[in-house]
Amino acid sequence: MTIYSGIFNSVRGSNGQGDRKYNAWWFAKYFATFIGNGVFPNPSTNLQVVANTNMTVTVKPGTGWIDGYFLYSDSDHILKLDIADGVLKRIDRIVMRLNHLTRQIDIVVKKGTFSSSPVAPTLQRDTDYVELALADVLINNGATQITQANITDQRLNKTVCGIVHGTVDQVDTTTIFNQYQAWFKEITGSTAAEIKAWQTQQKQEFDEWFATIQGILEGDVAANLAARLTLLENQYKTHTDNRIAHNNYGVGTGANSINVTLDPPITEYKEGLTLRFKNTNAQTSAGASLNVNGLGARAIRKNGDLSPAPGTLKAGYVYTVIYNGSVFILLDEGGEYGTAAVGDVRKGKTIGTPDGIKTGTLDLTNLTPDNIRQGVVIDGVTGALGVVGVGENQILPWEYSTMPRVMSESKPYWLLSDYGTKIEKTGKYRVKWRMSKLGSPSGGVPLTVYARLYLNDQPIPGTDRQITSDTTTNDQNYTLDIDLKTGDILRCGGMTPSDSRPTLYVYIDGIFTDLKTTPVKMV
């Protein structure tokens, strides 16, 4: 425990130092005992907060006092306020703050919290800070500037600020009085017409209400009031007992012209009316209507002003509709899932159904090029069926026969294949044939083999082909699209330059239509 006293002269001791030391803290405590906190009263604009034409305020010059410490501002001090919110309001406080940490008194903005009903921030008064409120500033939502009517002067409010007392000067309240006078004129001038309109509206509403109870106030008033209370109690009990009816639920009858009876009933259609009904019969034709409590049929529409297709409203389903002022809009279109079943959906993919999400079972693993006719594209897969290959779709097999031998450069004659193909149906066919090399050249001399196609034993122009058996030659494949008629016979022919025989394969397949051929033995 420490007891302080003073002020006394200092007496120098034997060590040459005085026995009394007084610092700024001591003098502040001293002056605080007889000078109270606040702003000085004169002039009346002392530290007054005034509005500018933007989101700033100006603190006028003046003098203040906090706990024995002194503030003096010799010119206008401008403070910037944060921008307004688009929805909520806030109240900022302009405070004079004694800061023990920095050993000075500042004038700052203490920002409030956004709210629909804002309050000014709490002042801090502890060992670090002591704050006095000069003014509260209301920041309305969407505001772009501060008016004087938004500023509440707190200098005379001794709870948050107050006037320095202990002085002999008389307080000059002229400026503060003029400020509130201007505010009063602004408010009363802007609301006079509104107050008159409000009074007129209140009188009209009172007259209407009084007309409804005038009968109650005649005759036996007590009995009339008791009867009215009984009626209200019964209605309230019915209302609470029948809570399911609060959401306007009923049963719809009729397949396309649906009738719904609500209990308690509605007496008119109003925009925003919402109801739910359990449909009894499935919709059988395009379009549907709804008639509630016999008030008249109104069309049922889907969003986008679309007429519901047949089958949209199913039997046993519950639907919600809302009245838009002319038609009922179907909010729950339920059940429009089409005819696809899980077997129609690719395996691993999902589909929405009335029974929830289902996974498809359609197995397309066999959808490969080799299983699709050449030139046909199915689901992005291009067919390759019918490509030349040994033993594959071979329709015109070459039966071993003695082939003519080419001597020097002469071509004595062609030998035709022992088998041919007979065309059973007129159409366009794709013919493919393959020539293979003979093997190693005889005696180092490359040999050449010749082949071509024959139609009805006549060579087809442009089908002559040849292959030379050197070490670099690969088998050669050829394709021909040709129009054939029923009864035509297709064969192949060839020549060889030696006893070695070439391998010839010929294939035929129908394209564009489902065509048909038959192998035939030629004699």
Protein backbone atom coordinates (compact mmCIF):
# COMPACT_ATOMS: atom_id res chain seq x y z
CA MET A 1 0.00 0.00 0.00
CA THR A 2 1.36 3.43 -1.02
CA ILE A 3 0.22 6.88 0.19
CA TYR A 4 1.05 9.87 -2.03
CA SER A 5 1.06 13.50 -0.84
CA GLY A 6 2.41 16.86 -2.00
CA ILE A 7 3.34 19.26 -3.28
CA PHE A 8 6.38 19.98 -1.04
CA ASN A 9 9.73 21.58 -1.54
CA SER A 10 12.64 19.27 -2.07
CA VAL A 11 15.43 19.39 0.52
CA ARG A 12 18.90 18.51 -0.63
CA GLY A 13 20.54 15.78 1.45
CA SER A 14 24.13 14.93 2.22
CA ASN A 15 24.39 13.12 -1.09
CA GLY A 16 23.55 16.33 -2.91
CA GLN A 17 20.14 15.04 -4.21
CA GLY A 18 16.66 16.32 -3.37
CA ASP A 19 14.24 14.20 -1.32
CA ARG A 20 11.16 15.04 -3.45
CA LYS A 21 10.65 13.88 -7.08
CA TYR A 22 7.43 14.55 -9.03
CA ASN A 23 6.78 13.17 -12.54
CA ALA A 24 4.01 13.63 -15.17
CA TRP A 25 1.93 10.80 -13.70
CA TRP A 26 1.98 12.49 -10.30
CA PHE A 27 0.89 15.85 -11.69
CA ALA A 28 -1.89 14.17 -13.76
CA LYS A 29 -3.24 12.55 -10.60
CA TYR A 30 -3.02 15.92 -8.89
CA PHE A 31 -4.94 17.86 -11.53
CA ALA A 32 -7.52 15.10 -11.95
CA THR A 33 -8.67 15.62 -8.40
CA PHE A 34 -10.23 18.99 -9.16
CA ILE A 35 -10.69 19.05 -12.99
CA GLY A 36 -13.24 16.58 -14.34
CA ASN A 37 -12.97 14.70 -17.64
CA GLY A 38 -14.59 16.01 -20.83
CA VAL A 39 -14.34 18.84 -23.34
CA PHE A 40 -13.96 22.47 -22.35
CA PRO A 41 -17.24 24.41 -22.70
CA ASN A 42 -16.04 27.48 -24.57
CA PRO A 43 -16.32 27.95 -27.40
CA SER A 44 -19.43 25.86 -28.03
CA THR A 45 -17.76 24.36 -31.14
CA ASN A 46 -15.02 22.90 -28.95
CA LEU A 47 -14.17 19.47 -30.53
CA GLN A 48 -17.60 19.42 -32.26
CA VAL A 49 -18.10 16.71 -34.94
CA VAL A 50 -19.68 18.03 -38.16
CA ALA A 51 -20.63 16.29 -41.41
CA ASN A 52 -18.96 16.81 -44.79
CA THR A 53 -20.42 16.06 -48.23
CA ASN A 54 -18.86 12.59 -48.38
CA MET A 55 -17.94 9.72 -46.07
CA THR A 56 -15.83 11.95 -43.80
CA VAL A 57 -16.47 14.08 -40.75
CA THR A 58 -14.58 17.05 -39.35
CA VAL A 59 -13.68 17.50 -35.67
CA LYS A 60 -13.51 21.23 -34.97
CA PRO A 61 -10.55 22.73 -33.05
CA GLY A 62 -10.74 22.58 -29.28
CA THR A 63 -9.44 21.37 -25.95
CA GLY A 64 -10.14 18.22 -23.95
CA TRP A 65 -9.20 16.72 -20.61
CA ILE A 66 -8.86 13.05 -19.55
CA ASP A 67 -7.63 11.96 -16.10
CA GLY A 68 -5.37 15.01 -15.65
CA TYR A 69 -3.96 14.84 -19.20
CA PHE A 70 -4.54 17.60 -21.74
CA LEU A 71 -5.42 17.62 -25.47
CA TYR A 72 -5.33 20.69 -27.67
CA SER A 73 -6.25 20.72 -31.40
CA ASP A 74 -5.57 24.01 -33.20
CA SER A 75 -7.31 23.22 -36.55
CA ASP A 76 -9.96 21.06 -38.24
CA HIS A 77 -9.24 17.34 -37.93
CA ILE A 78 -10.79 15.23 -40.77
CA LEU A 79 -11.63 11.55 -40.16
CA LYS A 80 -12.51 9.07 -42.92
CA LEU A 81 -15.33 6.57 -42.28
CA ASP A 82 -15.44 3.10 -43.87
CA ILE A 83 -17.94 2.56 -46.71
CA ALA A 84 -21.51 1.50 -45.94
CA ASP A 85 -22.95 -1.99 -46.32
CA GLY A 86 -25.63 -2.58 -48.94
CA VAL A 87 -28.07 -4.17 -46.47
CA LEU A 88 -27.08 -3.53 -42.83
CA LYS A 89 -26.42 -0.36 -40.84
CA ARG A 90 -23.78 0.50 -38.22
CA ILE A 91 -22.94 3.24 -35.71
CA ASP A 92 -19.36 4.53 -35.55
CA ARG A 93 -18.09 6.53 -32.57
CA ILE A 94 -15.74 9.49 -32.76
CA VAL A 95 -13.69 9.24 -29.55
CA MET A 96 -11.00 11.18 -27.73
CA ARG A 97 -8.63 8.43 -26.56
CA LEU A 98 -5.98 8.64 -23.82
CA ASN A 99 -3.35 6.10 -24.88
CA HIS A 100 -1.06 5.19 -21.96
CA LEU A 101 1.02 2.97 -24.28
CA THR A 102 2.01 5.79 -26.63
CA ARG A 103 1.66 8.51 -23.98
CA GLN A 104 -0.65 10.75 -26.01
CA ILE A 105 -4.32 11.62 -26.58
CA ASP A 106 -5.71 10.95 -30.09
CA ILE A 107 -9.05 11.59 -31.85
CA VAL A 108 -10.02 8.43 -33.76
CA VAL A 109 -12.96 6.53 -35.30
CA LYS A 110 -14.18 3.54 -33.28
CA LYS A 111 -15.97 1.46 -35.93
CA GLY A 112 -19.31 -0.19 -35.04
CA THR A 113 -20.74 -3.58 -36.01
CA PHE A 114 -23.13 -4.08 -38.97
CA SER A 115 -26.70 -4.85 -37.87
CA SER A 116 -30.33 -4.15 -38.80
CA SER A 117 -30.58 -2.45 -35.37
CA PRO A 118 -27.04 -1.19 -34.71
CA VAL A 119 -25.66 0.12 -31.43
CA ALA A 120 -22.61 2.25 -30.77
CA PRO A 121 -19.42 0.39 -29.79
CA THR A 122 -18.54 0.22 -26.09
CA LEU A 123 -15.93 2.66 -24.81
CA GLN A 124 -12.68 1.20 -23.47
CA ARG A 125 -11.56 2.43 -20.07
CA ASP A 126 -8.72 0.42 -18.54
CA THR A 127 -5.01 0.68 -17.78
CA ASP A 128 -4.19 0.95 -21.51
CA TYR A 129 -6.90 3.28 -22.85
CA VAL A 130 -9.45 5.77 -21.54
CA GLU A 131 -12.00 6.88 -24.18
CA LEU A 132 -14.54 9.74 -24.23
CA ALA A 133 -17.22 9.84 -26.96
CA LEU A 134 -17.46 13.13 -28.85
CA ALA A 135 -20.26 11.93 -31.21
CA ASP A 136 -22.02 8.87 -32.64
CA VAL A 137 -22.37 8.65 -36.46
CA LEU A 138 -25.14 6.52 -38.02
CA ILE A 139 -24.00 4.83 -41.26
CA ASN A 140 -27.19 3.84 -43.09
CA ASN A 141 -27.15 0.92 -45.54
CA GLY A 142 -26.17 2.08 -49.01
CA ALA A 143 -25.09 5.54 -47.73
CA THR A 144 -22.57 7.49 -49.82
CA GLN A 145 -22.32 10.55 -47.56
CA ILE A 146 -22.89 11.65 -43.97
CA THR A 147 -25.44 14.35 -43.10
CA GLN A 148 -25.59 16.32 -39.87
CA ALA A 149 -28.82 14.49 -39.00
CA ASN A 150 -26.78 11.25 -38.88
CA ILE A 151 -24.53 12.67 -36.10
CA THR A 152 -25.53 12.46 -32.44
CA ASP A 153 -23.46 14.90 -30.36
CA GLN A 154 -22.33 13.17 -27.13
CA ARG A 155 -20.23 16.00 -25.65
CA LEU A 156 -22.95 16.94 -23.11
CA ASN A 157 -23.62 13.32 -22.19
CA LYS A 158 -21.63 12.96 -18.96
CA THR A 159 -21.98 9.16 -19.11
CA VAL A 160 -19.75 8.91 -22.17
CA CYS A 161 -18.10 12.38 -22.22
CA GLY A 162 -19.34 15.57 -20.50
CA ILE A 163 -18.10 19.11 -19.97
CA VAL A 164 -14.95 19.78 -17.95
CA HIS A 165 -16.14 20.95 -14.52
CA GLY A 166 -14.35 22.87 -11.85
CA THR A 167 -13.91 25.93 -14.12
CA VAL A 168 -15.57 29.33 -13.63
CA ASP A 169 -16.62 29.83 -17.23
CA GLN A 170 -20.27 29.44 -18.13
CA VAL A 171 -21.12 26.80 -20.73
CA ASP A 172 -22.00 28.24 -24.19
CA THR A 173 -24.70 25.95 -25.63
CA THR A 174 -25.56 28.14 -28.65
CA THR A 175 -23.99 25.91 -31.31
CA ILE A 176 -25.44 22.72 -29.84
CA PHE A 177 -28.89 24.33 -29.63
CA ASN A 178 -28.67 25.49 -33.26
CA GLN A 179 -27.63 21.98 -34.36
CA TYR A 180 -30.65 20.33 -32.73
CA GLN A 181 -32.92 23.14 -34.01
CA ALA A 182 -31.77 22.44 -37.59
CA TRP A 183 -32.30 18.70 -37.08
CA PHE A 184 -35.82 19.28 -35.71
CA LYS A 185 -36.78 21.45 -38.70
CA GLU A 186 -35.37 18.87 -41.13
CA ILE A 187 -37.31 15.99 -39.56
CA THR A 188 -40.61 17.82 -39.09
CA GLY A 189 -40.48 19.31 -42.58
CA SER A 190 -39.83 15.96 -44.28
CA THR A 191 -42.46 14.00 -42.35
CA ALA A 192 -45.41 16.37 -42.09
CA ALA A 193 -47.12 14.94 -45.18
CA GLU A 194 -46.30 11.41 -44.06
CA ILE A 195 -47.81 12.01 -40.61
CA LYS A 196 -50.99 13.38 -42.15
CA ALA A 197 -51.28 10.37 -44.49
CA TRP A 198 -50.63 8.00 -41.58
CA GLN A 199 -53.36 9.67 -39.51
CA THR A 200 -55.83 9.31 -42.40
CA GLN A 201 -54.96 5.64 -42.84
CA GLN A 202 -55.28 4.92 -39.13
CA LYS A 203 -58.70 6.58 -39.00
CA GLN A 204 -59.90 4.54 -41.98
CA GLU A 205 -58.64 1.29 -40.46
CA PHE A 206 -60.26 2.15 -37.12
CA ASP A 207 -63.62 2.90 -38.81
CA GLU A 208 -63.48 -0.42 -40.68
CA TRP A 209 -62.61 -2.32 -37.52
CA PHE A 210 -65.28 -0.55 -35.48
CA ALA A 211 -67.92 -1.44 -38.09
CA THR A 212 -67.11 -5.14 -37.58
CA ILE A 213 -67.67 -4.99 -33.81
CA GLN A 214 -70.47 -2.43 -33.65
CA GLY A 215 -73.08 -5.15 -33.31
CA ILE A 216 -71.19 -6.64 -30.38
CA LEU A 217 -71.27 -3.33 -28.51
CA GLU A 218 -75.05 -3.03 -28.79
CA GLY A 219 -77.61 -4.64 -26.42
CA ASP A 220 -76.12 -7.06 -23.90
CA VAL A 221 -72.47 -6.20 -24.48
CA ALA A 222 -71.12 -8.75 -22.00
CA ALA A 223 -73.12 -11.59 -23.58
CA ASN A 224 -72.11 -10.55 -27.09
CA LEU A 225 -68.44 -10.47 -26.13
CA ALA A 226 -68.70 -13.85 -24.41
CA ALA A 227 -70.32 -15.35 -27.51
CA ARG A 228 -67.63 -13.87 -29.72
CA LEU A 229 -64.87 -15.27 -27.51
CA THR A 230 -66.52 -18.71 -27.60
CA LEU A 231 -66.64 -18.58 -31.41
CA LEU A 232 -62.97 -17.62 -31.60
CA GLU A 233 -62.00 -20.41 -29.23
CA ASN A 234 -63.91 -22.97 -31.31
CA GLN A 235 -62.33 -21.72 -34.52
CA TYR A 236 -58.88 -21.84 -32.97
CA LYS A 237 -59.46 -25.37 -31.68
CA THR A 238 -60.64 -26.49 -35.13
CA HIS A 239 -57.58 -24.84 -36.64
CA THR A 240 -55.11 -26.54 -34.29
CA ASP A 241 -56.88 -29.93 -34.45
CA ASN A 242 -56.80 -29.94 -38.24
CA ARG A 243 -53.16 -29.00 -38.76
CA ILE A 244 -52.92 -31.17 -41.89
CA ALA A 245 -55.23 -28.76 -43.68
CA HIS A 246 -52.85 -25.86 -43.15
CA ASN A 247 -50.88 -26.81 -46.24
CA ASN A 248 -54.04 -27.05 -48.44
CA TYR A 249 -54.03 -30.79 -49.05
CA GLY A 250 -56.79 -32.63 -50.87
CA VAL A 251 -57.61 -35.52 -53.21
CA GLY A 252 -57.92 -34.88 -56.94
CA THR A 253 -60.60 -36.72 -58.94
CA GLY A 254 -60.91 -36.86 -62.72
CA ALA A 255 -58.35 -37.96 -65.30
CA ASN A 256 -57.61 -34.66 -67.02
CA SER A 257 -60.12 -32.19 -65.52
CA ILE A 258 -59.14 -32.60 -61.88
CA ASN A 259 -61.40 -31.50 -59.03
CA VAL A 260 -60.03 -30.88 -55.53
CA THR A 261 -62.07 -30.07 -52.41
CA LEU A 262 -60.18 -28.40 -49.57
CA ASP A 263 -61.51 -28.42 -46.01
CA PRO A 264 -61.70 -25.71 -44.77
CA PRO A 265 -62.46 -24.40 -48.27
CA ILE A 266 -60.87 -21.44 -50.04
CA THR A 267 -63.19 -18.75 -51.39
CA GLU A 268 -61.07 -17.31 -54.21
CA TYR A 269 -57.94 -17.86 -56.24
CA LYS A 270 -55.08 -15.58 -55.25
CA GLU A 271 -51.61 -15.36 -56.72
CA GLY A 272 -49.23 -17.42 -54.60
CA LEU A 273 -51.89 -19.93 -53.52
CA THR A 274 -50.12 -23.27 -52.99
CA LEU A 275 -51.79 -26.65 -52.62
CA ARG A 276 -51.00 -30.35 -52.81
CA PHE A 277 -53.28 -33.06 -54.09
CA LYS A 278 -53.16 -36.82 -54.45
CA ASN A 279 -54.08 -37.67 -58.03
CA THR A 280 -56.67 -40.44 -58.41
CA ASN A 281 -56.64 -41.09 -62.18
CA ALA A 282 -53.73 -41.03 -64.59
CA GLN A 283 -53.67 -38.25 -67.18
CA THR A 284 -54.69 -39.65 -70.58
CA SER A 285 -54.42 -36.68 -72.95
CA ALA A 286 -52.28 -33.61 -73.47
CA GLY A 287 -53.05 -30.78 -71.06
CA ALA A 288 -54.86 -30.83 -67.72
CA SER A 289 -56.83 -28.46 -65.50
CA LEU A 290 -57.54 -28.03 -61.81
CA ASN A 291 -60.80 -26.88 -60.18
CA VAL A 292 -60.53 -26.11 -56.44
CA ASN A 293 -63.71 -25.94 -54.34
CA GLY A 294 -65.77 -25.25 -57.47
CA LEU A 295 -64.11 -21.87 -58.12
CA GLY A 296 -63.56 -22.72 -61.78
CA ALA A 297 -61.10 -24.76 -63.81
CA ARG A 298 -57.61 -23.35 -64.34
CA ALA A 299 -55.02 -24.87 -66.65
CA ILE A 300 -52.09 -26.80 -65.19
CA ARG A 301 -48.77 -25.80 -66.76
CA LYS A 302 -45.16 -26.76 -66.33
CA ASN A 303 -42.54 -24.05 -65.90
CA GLY A 304 -41.91 -22.43 -69.26
CA ASP A 305 -45.67 -22.36 -69.95
CA LEU A 306 -45.52 -25.94 -71.23
CA SER A 307 -48.57 -28.17 -71.33
CA PRO A 308 -48.01 -31.47 -69.48
CA ALA A 309 -47.80 -34.43 -71.87
CA PRO A 310 -50.11 -37.45 -71.48
CA GLY A 311 -49.03 -39.57 -68.52
CA THR A 312 -47.34 -36.68 -66.68
CA LEU A 313 -49.87 -36.84 -63.84
CA LYS A 314 -49.94 -40.43 -62.63
CA ALA A 315 -52.47 -42.21 -60.48
CA GLY A 316 -51.58 -42.38 -56.79
CA TYR A 317 -48.89 -39.68 -56.97
CA VAL A 318 -48.93 -36.47 -54.91
CA TYR A 319 -48.33 -33.20 -56.77
CA THR A 320 -47.70 -29.60 -55.69
CA VAL A 321 -49.00 -26.62 -57.66
CA ILE A 322 -48.84 -22.85 -57.16
CA TYR A 323 -51.24 -20.33 -58.67
CA ASN A 324 -49.49 -17.54 -60.64
CA GLY A 325 -52.57 -15.40 -61.15
CA SER A 326 -53.91 -17.22 -64.21
CA VAL A 327 -52.80 -20.90 -64.20
CA PHE A 328 -51.50 -23.51 -61.75
CA ILE A 329 -47.75 -24.14 -62.16
CA LEU A 330 -46.76 -27.75 -61.56
CA LEU A 331 -43.78 -27.76 -59.20
CA ASP A 332 -43.35 -31.53 -59.01
CA GLU A 333 -43.48 -32.94 -62.52
CA GLY A 334 -42.70 -36.46 -61.18
CA GLY A 335 -42.42 -39.65 -63.15
CA GLU A 336 -41.30 -38.43 -66.60
CA TYR A 337 -38.63 -41.06 -67.12
CA GLY A 338 -39.54 -42.35 -70.60
CA THR A 339 -39.64 -46.03 -71.56
CA ALA A 340 -35.98 -46.99 -71.21
CA ALA A 341 -35.28 -49.92 -68.84
CA VAL A 342 -31.97 -51.00 -67.31
CA GLY A 343 -31.48 -53.42 -70.22
CA ASP A 344 -31.50 -50.47 -72.64
CA VAL A 345 -28.74 -48.60 -70.79
CA ARG A 346 -25.05 -49.32 -71.31
CA LYS A 347 -23.53 -51.48 -68.62
CA GLY A 348 -21.97 -49.38 -65.85
CA LYS A 349 -24.03 -46.26 -66.65
CA THR A 350 -26.96 -45.10 -64.53
CA ILE A 351 -30.50 -43.92 -65.26
CA GLY A 352 -33.18 -42.21 -63.18
CA THR A 353 -36.39 -44.22 -62.68
CA PRO A 354 -39.51 -43.84 -60.52
CA ASP A 355 -37.76 -46.27 -58.17
CA GLY A 356 -34.57 -44.23 -57.98
CA ILE A 357 -31.21 -44.48 -59.74
CA LYS A 358 -30.61 -47.80 -61.53
CA THR A 359 -27.50 -49.19 -63.24
CA GLY A 360 -27.73 -50.32 -66.86
CA THR A 361 -27.10 -53.93 -67.89
CA LEU A 362 -26.67 -53.57 -71.68
CA ASP A 363 -23.42 -55.44 -72.47
CA LEU A 364 -21.63 -54.03 -75.54
CA THR A 365 -18.32 -55.81 -75.07
CA ASN A 366 -18.85 -57.62 -78.40
CA LEU A 367 -19.25 -54.32 -80.23
CA THR A 368 -15.84 -54.56 -81.92
CA PRO A 369 -14.64 -53.80 -85.47
CA ASP A 370 -14.33 -57.51 -86.26
CA ASN A 371 -18.02 -58.04 -85.46
CA ILE A 372 -19.30 -55.17 -87.65
CA ARG A 373 -19.50 -55.18 -91.45
CA GLN A 374 -16.71 -53.17 -93.04
CA GLY A 375 -17.71 -49.53 -93.66
CA VAL A 376 -20.53 -49.57 -91.08
CA VAL A 377 -20.19 -47.39 -87.94
CA ILE A 378 -22.13 -48.37 -84.79
CA ASP A 379 -21.82 -46.28 -81.62
CA GLY A 380 -18.52 -44.86 -82.85
CA VAL A 381 -17.03 -48.26 -83.74
CA THR A 382 -16.10 -48.68 -87.44
CA GLY A 383 -16.61 -52.19 -88.77
CA ALA A 384 -13.82 -54.26 -90.30
CA LEU A 385 -15.71 -57.51 -91.00
CA GLY A 386 -14.79 -58.90 -94.42
CA VAL A 387 -11.19 -57.68 -94.56
CA VAL A 388 -9.05 -60.02 -96.67
CA GLY A 389 -7.51 -62.80 -94.65
CA VAL A 390 -6.78 -66.52 -95.08
CA GLY A 391 -9.92 -68.56 -94.42
CA GLU A 392 -11.98 -65.49 -93.51
CA ASN A 393 -15.32 -65.08 -95.34
CA GLN A 394 -13.77 -66.92 -98.24
CA ILE A 395 -16.52 -67.40 -100.80
CA LEU A 396 -14.54 -68.05 -103.99
CA PRO A 397 -11.91 -70.61 -102.91
CA TRP A 398 -9.24 -71.46 -105.43
CA GLU A 399 -9.20 -75.24 -106.05
CA TYR A 400 -5.79 -76.47 -107.07
CA SER A 401 -5.59 -76.85 -110.84
CA THR A 402 -2.84 -76.82 -113.35
CA MET A 403 -2.31 -73.20 -114.31
CA PRO A 404 -0.80 -72.24 -117.67
CA ARG A 405 2.87 -71.48 -117.58
CA VAL A 406 4.04 -68.18 -119.03
CA MET A 407 6.94 -68.66 -121.40
CA SER A 408 9.22 -65.63 -121.76
CA GLU A 409 6.91 -62.60 -122.04
CA SER A 410 3.97 -64.34 -123.70
CA LYS A 411 0.64 -65.02 -121.99
CA PRO A 412 -0.83 -68.06 -123.79
CA TYR A 413 -4.08 -68.28 -121.82
CA TRP A 414 -5.74 -67.79 -118.41
CA LEU A 415 -7.03 -70.54 -116.15
CA LEU A 416 -10.29 -69.76 -114.27
CA SER A 417 -11.05 -70.97 -110.76
CA ASP A 418 -12.96 -74.22 -110.35
CA TYR A 419 -15.53 -72.51 -108.11
CA GLY A 420 -17.56 -69.38 -108.63
CA THR A 421 -20.17 -67.41 -106.78
CA LYS A 422 -23.72 -67.02 -108.03
CA ILE A 423 -25.49 -63.74 -107.23
CA GLU A 424 -28.93 -64.39 -105.74
CA LYS A 425 -30.03 -60.74 -105.32
CA THR A 426 -29.31 -57.65 -107.38
CA GLY A 427 -27.28 -55.01 -105.55
CA LYS A 428 -23.84 -53.54 -104.93
CA TYR A 429 -21.22 -55.99 -103.72
CA ARG A 430 -17.73 -55.56 -102.36
CA VAL A 431 -15.20 -58.02 -103.78
CA LYS A 432 -11.77 -58.46 -102.20
CA TRP A 433 -8.92 -60.63 -103.49
CA ARG A 434 -5.44 -61.37 -102.35
CA MET A 435 -2.26 -62.43 -104.18
CA SER A 436 0.69 -64.03 -102.39
CA LYS A 437 4.26 -64.27 -103.66
CA LEU A 438 5.65 -67.60 -104.86
CA GLY A 439 8.50 -67.81 -102.40
CA SER A 440 12.20 -67.61 -103.23
CA PRO A 441 12.93 -66.71 -106.87
CA SER A 442 13.79 -69.74 -109.06
CA GLY A 443 17.44 -69.67 -109.92
CA GLY A 444 17.68 -66.16 -108.56
CA VAL A 445 15.29 -64.88 -111.24
CA PRO A 446 12.14 -63.16 -109.89
CA LEU A 447 8.91 -64.67 -111.21
CA THR A 448 5.69 -62.82 -111.93
CA VAL A 449 2.16 -64.22 -111.34
CA TYR A 450 -0.98 -62.68 -112.89
CA ALA A 451 -4.61 -62.66 -111.71
CA ARG A 452 -7.93 -60.94 -112.55
CA LEU A 453 -11.68 -61.21 -111.98
CA TYR A 454 -14.25 -62.66 -114.39
CA LEU A 455 -17.96 -61.92 -114.60
CA ASN A 456 -19.98 -64.54 -116.45
CA ASP A 457 -16.66 -65.91 -117.83
CA GLN A 458 -15.68 -62.49 -119.21
CA PRO A 459 -12.75 -60.57 -117.67
CA ILE A 460 -13.76 -57.48 -115.70
CA PRO A 461 -11.83 -54.51 -117.11
CA GLY A 462 -9.40 -52.89 -114.73
CA THR A 463 -9.02 -55.93 -112.46
CA ASP A 464 -5.74 -57.25 -113.84
CA ARG A 465 -3.18 -57.59 -111.06
CA GLN A 466 0.30 -59.10 -110.79
CA ILE A 467 2.89 -59.90 -108.15
CA THR A 468 6.62 -60.50 -108.55
CA SER A 469 8.39 -62.97 -106.25
CA ASP A 470 11.44 -61.03 -105.19
CA THR A 471 12.76 -60.86 -101.66
CA THR A 472 11.01 -57.61 -100.82
CA THR A 473 7.53 -58.15 -102.17
CA ASN A 474 4.66 -58.54 -99.69
CA ASP A 475 1.26 -60.09 -100.30
CA GLN A 476 -1.06 -57.71 -102.13
CA ASN A 477 -4.77 -57.08 -101.39
CA TYR A 478 -7.34 -55.47 -103.69
CA THR A 479 -10.93 -54.30 -103.24
CA LEU A 480 -13.65 -53.61 -105.82
CA ASP A 481 -17.22 -52.32 -105.33
CA ILE A 482 -19.33 -53.58 -108.23
CA ASP A 483 -23.04 -53.65 -109.20
CA LEU A 484 -24.20 -57.23 -109.84
CA LYS A 485 -27.51 -58.74 -110.98
CA THR A 486 -29.34 -61.85 -109.96
CA GLY A 487 -27.84 -64.84 -111.78
CA ASP A 488 -24.40 -63.32 -112.37
CA ILE A 489 -21.43 -65.61 -111.66
CA LEU A 490 -18.18 -64.22 -110.39
CA ARG A 491 -14.86 -66.09 -110.75
CA CYS A 492 -11.15 -65.41 -110.66
CA GLY A 493 -8.43 -66.38 -113.09
CA GLY A 494 -4.64 -66.53 -113.08
CA MET A 495 -1.39 -67.42 -114.84
CA THR A 496 1.98 -68.58 -113.46
CA PRO A 497 5.44 -68.47 -115.05
CA SER A 498 6.57 -71.78 -113.56
CA ASP A 499 5.36 -74.96 -111.99
CA SER A 500 5.01 -73.05 -108.74
CA ARG A 501 1.42 -72.14 -108.07
CA PRO A 502 0.29 -68.83 -106.55
CA THR A 503 -2.17 -68.59 -103.71
CA LEU A 504 -5.28 -66.65 -104.71
CA TYR A 505 -8.09 -65.81 -102.29
CA VAL A 506 -11.25 -64.00 -103.38
CA TYR A 507 -14.00 -62.77 -101.00
CA ILE A 508 -17.35 -61.23 -101.75
CA ASP A 509 -19.76 -59.43 -99.42
CA GLY A 510 -22.91 -57.34 -99.85
CA ILE A 511 -22.86 -53.67 -98.88
CA PHE A 512 -25.65 -51.12 -98.48
CA THR A 513 -28.36 -53.81 -98.49
CA ASP A 514 -28.75 -57.37 -97.23
CA LEU A 515 -27.46 -59.21 -100.31
CA LYS A 516 -26.98 -62.91 -100.88
CA THR A 517 -24.55 -65.19 -102.82
CA THR A 518 -24.19 -68.94 -103.32
CA PRO A 519 -20.96 -70.86 -104.06
CA VAL A 520 -21.27 -72.93 -107.31
CA LYS A 521 -19.05 -75.65 -108.85
CA MET A 522 -18.09 -74.77 -112.39
CA VAL A 523 -17.81 -77.48 -115.11
